[in-house]
Amino acid sequence: MWPRRAAEILDGGSIYWVIQGRVQCRQRILRLDEVTGGDGHRRCAIVLEPELIRTASAARRPFQGWRYLEAHDAPPDLDRRPGHDESLPPALAAALAEIGVL
């Protein structure tokens, strides 16, 4: 399948990773390549930037296929300024995010 909104995806779009029922990070999408599988069907290969960007933890069911998040629905990136404390265990960070502290 090829995304209907490919131009939007390539203009700063990201894949958001759902891990244990929570969005926890994202990767920027660099490009979309058309590939043909061994069965002869055309597919869309998503080429990602290798860097993972941690996001605020947000509850989200896992899904397959294309889903588009509006900017106000996407979890914000965690603060990456020097000296920012990222030492919270993931379970604690998720619990604090759930009650709106993080």
C-alpha atoms as a PDB file:
ATOM      1  CA  MET A   1       0.000   0.000   0.000  1.00  0.00           C
ATOM      2  CA  TRP A   2       1.114   3.550  -0.690  1.00  0.00           C
ATOM      3  CA  PRO A   3       0.113   6.433   1.632  1.00  0.00           C
ATOM      4  CA  ARG A   4      -2.459   8.797   0.160  1.00  0.00           C
ATOM      5  CA  ARG A   5      -0.862  11.747   1.936  1.00  0.00           C
ATOM      6  CA  ALA A   6       2.749  10.979   0.937  1.00  0.00           C
ATOM      7  CA  ALA A   7       3.653  14.655   0.415  1.00  0.00           C
ATOM      8  CA  GLU A   8       2.655  15.462   4.014  1.00  0.00           C
ATOM      9  CA  ILE A   9       4.592  12.483   5.352  1.00  0.00           C
ATOM     10  CA  LEU A  10       7.743  13.530   3.535  1.00  0.00           C
ATOM     11  CA  ASP A  11       7.434  17.093   4.850  1.00  0.00           C
ATOM     12  CA  GLY A  12       8.683  16.339   8.365  1.00  0.00           C
ATOM     13  CA  GLY A  13       6.560  13.252   9.135  1.00  0.00           C
ATOM     14  CA  SER A  14       7.491  10.585  11.660  1.00  0.00           C
ATOM     15  CA  ILE A  15       6.645   7.030  12.611  1.00  0.00           C
ATOM     16  CA  TYR A  16       5.493   6.914  16.239  1.00  0.00           C
ATOM     17  CA  TRP A  17       6.387   3.665  17.995  1.00  0.00           C
ATOM     18  CA  VAL A  18       3.799   2.070  20.309  1.00  0.00           C
ATOM     19  CA  ILE A  19       5.626  -0.016  22.924  1.00  0.00           C
ATOM     20  CA  GLN A  20       3.679  -1.815  25.652  1.00  0.00           C
ATOM     21  CA  GLY A  21       0.527   0.146  24.803  1.00  0.00           C
ATOM     22  CA  ARG A  22       2.163   3.581  24.886  1.00  0.00           C
ATOM     23  CA  VAL A  23       3.748   5.849  22.292  1.00  0.00           C
ATOM     24  CA  GLN A  24       7.291   6.236  23.587  1.00  0.00           C
ATOM     25  CA  CYS A  25       9.399   7.452  20.676  1.00  0.00           C
ATOM     26  CA  ARG A  26       9.389   8.440  17.038  1.00  0.00           C
ATOM     27  CA  GLN A  27      11.618   8.278  13.982  1.00  0.00           C
ATOM     28  CA  ARG A  28      11.579  10.823  11.166  1.00  0.00           C
ATOM     29  CA  ILE A  29      10.626   9.497   7.742  1.00  0.00           C
ATOM     30  CA  LEU A  30      13.329  10.299   5.200  1.00  0.00           C
ATOM     31  CA  ARG A  31      11.706   8.894   2.071  1.00  0.00           C
ATOM     32  CA  LEU A  32       9.288   6.357   0.637  1.00  0.00           C
ATOM     33  CA  ASP A  33      10.647   3.836  -1.873  1.00  0.00           C
ATOM     34  CA  GLU A  34       8.618   1.634  -4.179  1.00  0.00           C
ATOM     35  CA  VAL A  35       9.758  -1.991  -3.978  1.00  0.00           C
ATOM     36  CA  THR A  36       8.454  -5.141  -5.596  1.00  0.00           C
ATOM     37  CA  GLY A  37       8.152  -8.233  -3.427  1.00  0.00           C
ATOM     38  CA  GLY A  38       9.035 -11.754  -4.482  1.00  0.00           C
ATOM     39  CA  ASP A  39       5.346 -12.260  -5.240  1.00  0.00           C
ATOM     40  CA  GLY A  40       5.402  -9.429  -7.792  1.00  0.00           C
ATOM     41  CA  HIS A  41       3.286  -7.037  -5.702  1.00  0.00           C
ATOM     42  CA  ARG A  42       4.359  -3.417  -5.347  1.00  0.00           C
ATOM     43  CA  ARG A  43       4.920  -2.173  -1.818  1.00  0.00           C
ATOM     44  CA  CYS A  44       6.003   0.966   0.002  1.00  0.00           C
ATOM     45  CA  ALA A  45       9.326   0.805   1.853  1.00  0.00           C
ATOM     46  CA  ILE A  46       9.625   3.418   4.583  1.00  0.00           C
ATOM     47  CA  VAL A  47      13.175   4.702   4.970  1.00  0.00           C
ATOM     48  CA  LEU A  48      13.691   6.067   8.490  1.00  0.00           C
ATOM     49  CA  GLU A  49      16.299   8.278  10.095  1.00  0.00           C
ATOM     50  CA  PRO A  50      18.288   6.005  12.448  1.00  0.00           C
ATOM     51  CA  GLU A  51      17.925   8.319  15.490  1.00  0.00           C
ATOM     52  CA  LEU A  52      15.076   7.544  17.895  1.00  0.00           C
ATOM     53  CA  ILE A  53      13.517  10.645  19.444  1.00  0.00           C
ATOM     54  CA  ARG A  54      11.940   9.996  22.837  1.00  0.00           C
ATOM     55  CA  THR A  55       8.457  11.413  23.271  1.00  0.00           C
ATOM     56  CA  ALA A  56       6.203  11.968  26.220  1.00  0.00           C
ATOM     57  CA  SER A  57       4.500   8.682  26.989  1.00  0.00           C
ATOM     58  CA  ALA A  58       0.949   8.530  25.613  1.00  0.00           C
ATOM     59  CA  ALA A  59      -1.544   5.664  25.765  1.00  0.00           C
ATOM     60  CA  ARG A  60      -2.302   4.320  22.292  1.00  0.00           C
ATOM     61  CA  ARG A  61      -3.444   0.960  21.006  1.00  0.00           C
ATOM     62  CA  PRO A  62      -1.079  -0.721  18.541  1.00  0.00           C
ATOM     63  CA  PHE A  63      -2.267  -0.513  14.941  1.00  0.00           C
ATOM     64  CA  GLN A  64      -1.256  -1.543  11.458  1.00  0.00           C
ATOM     65  CA  GLY A  65      -1.492   0.532   8.333  1.00  0.00           C
ATOM     66  CA  TRP A  66      -1.295   4.269   7.874  1.00  0.00           C
ATOM     67  CA  ARG A  67      -2.615   6.493  10.630  1.00  0.00           C
ATOM     68  CA  TYR A  68      -2.201  10.234  10.529  1.00  0.00           C
ATOM     69  CA  LEU A  69      -1.768  12.228  13.722  1.00  0.00           C
ATOM     70  CA  GLU A  70      -2.650  15.888  13.678  1.00  0.00           C
ATOM     71  CA  ALA A  71       0.028  18.004  15.360  1.00  0.00           C
ATOM     72  CA  HIS A  72      -2.151  18.542  18.455  1.00  0.00           C
ATOM     73  CA  ASP A  73      -2.632  14.739  18.831  1.00  0.00           C
ATOM     74  CA  ALA A  74       1.054  13.797  18.568  1.00  0.00           C
ATOM     75  CA  PRO A  75       2.912  13.429  21.872  1.00  0.00           C
ATOM     76  CA  PRO A  76       5.587  16.093  22.339  1.00  0.00           C
ATOM     77  CA  ASP A  77       9.271  15.243  22.229  1.00  0.00           C
ATOM     78  CA  LEU A  78      10.982  14.939  25.579  1.00  0.00           C
ATOM     79  CA  ASP A  79      13.284  17.773  26.507  1.00  0.00           C
ATOM     80  CA  ARG A  80      16.738  17.071  25.071  1.00  0.00           C
ATOM     81  CA  ARG A  81      18.539  20.079  26.495  1.00  0.00           C
ATOM     82  CA  PRO A  82      21.860  19.373  28.237  1.00  0.00           C
ATOM     83  CA  GLY A  83      21.338  18.616  31.907  1.00  0.00           C
ATOM     84  CA  HIS A  84      17.763  17.395  31.480  1.00  0.00           C
ATOM     85  CA  ASP A  85      17.188  14.379  33.722  1.00  0.00           C
ATOM     86  CA  GLU A  86      16.075  11.347  31.709  1.00  0.00           C
ATOM     87  CA  SER A  87      16.766   8.868  34.499  1.00  0.00           C
ATOM     88  CA  LEU A  88      13.130   8.038  35.337  1.00  0.00           C
ATOM     89  CA  PRO A  89      12.299   4.373  34.823  1.00  0.00           C
ATOM     90  CA  PRO A  90       9.897   3.954  31.889  1.00  0.00           C
ATOM     91  CA  ALA A  91       7.090   2.573  34.099  1.00  0.00           C
ATOM     92  CA  LEU A  92       7.294   5.581  36.423  1.00  0.00           C
ATOM     93  CA  ALA A  93       7.434   8.019  33.511  1.00  0.00           C
ATOM     94  CA  ALA A  94       4.332   6.359  32.010  1.00  0.00           C
ATOM     95  CA  ALA A  95       2.453   6.522  35.327  1.00  0.00           C
ATOM     96  CA  LEU A  96       3.320  10.210  35.772  1.00  0.00           C
ATOM     97  CA  ALA A  97       2.296  10.968  32.179  1.00  0.00           C
ATOM     98  CA  GLU A  98      -1.012   9.204  32.739  1.00  0.00           C
ATOM     99  CA  ILE A  99      -1.906  11.542  35.582  1.00  0.00           C
ATOM    100  CA  GLY A 100      -0.639  14.591  33.689  1.00  0.00           C
ATOM    101  CA  VAL A 101       2.543  15.288  35.629  1.00  0.00           C
ATOM    102  CA  LEU A 102       4.919  14.746  32.680  1.00  0.00           C
END
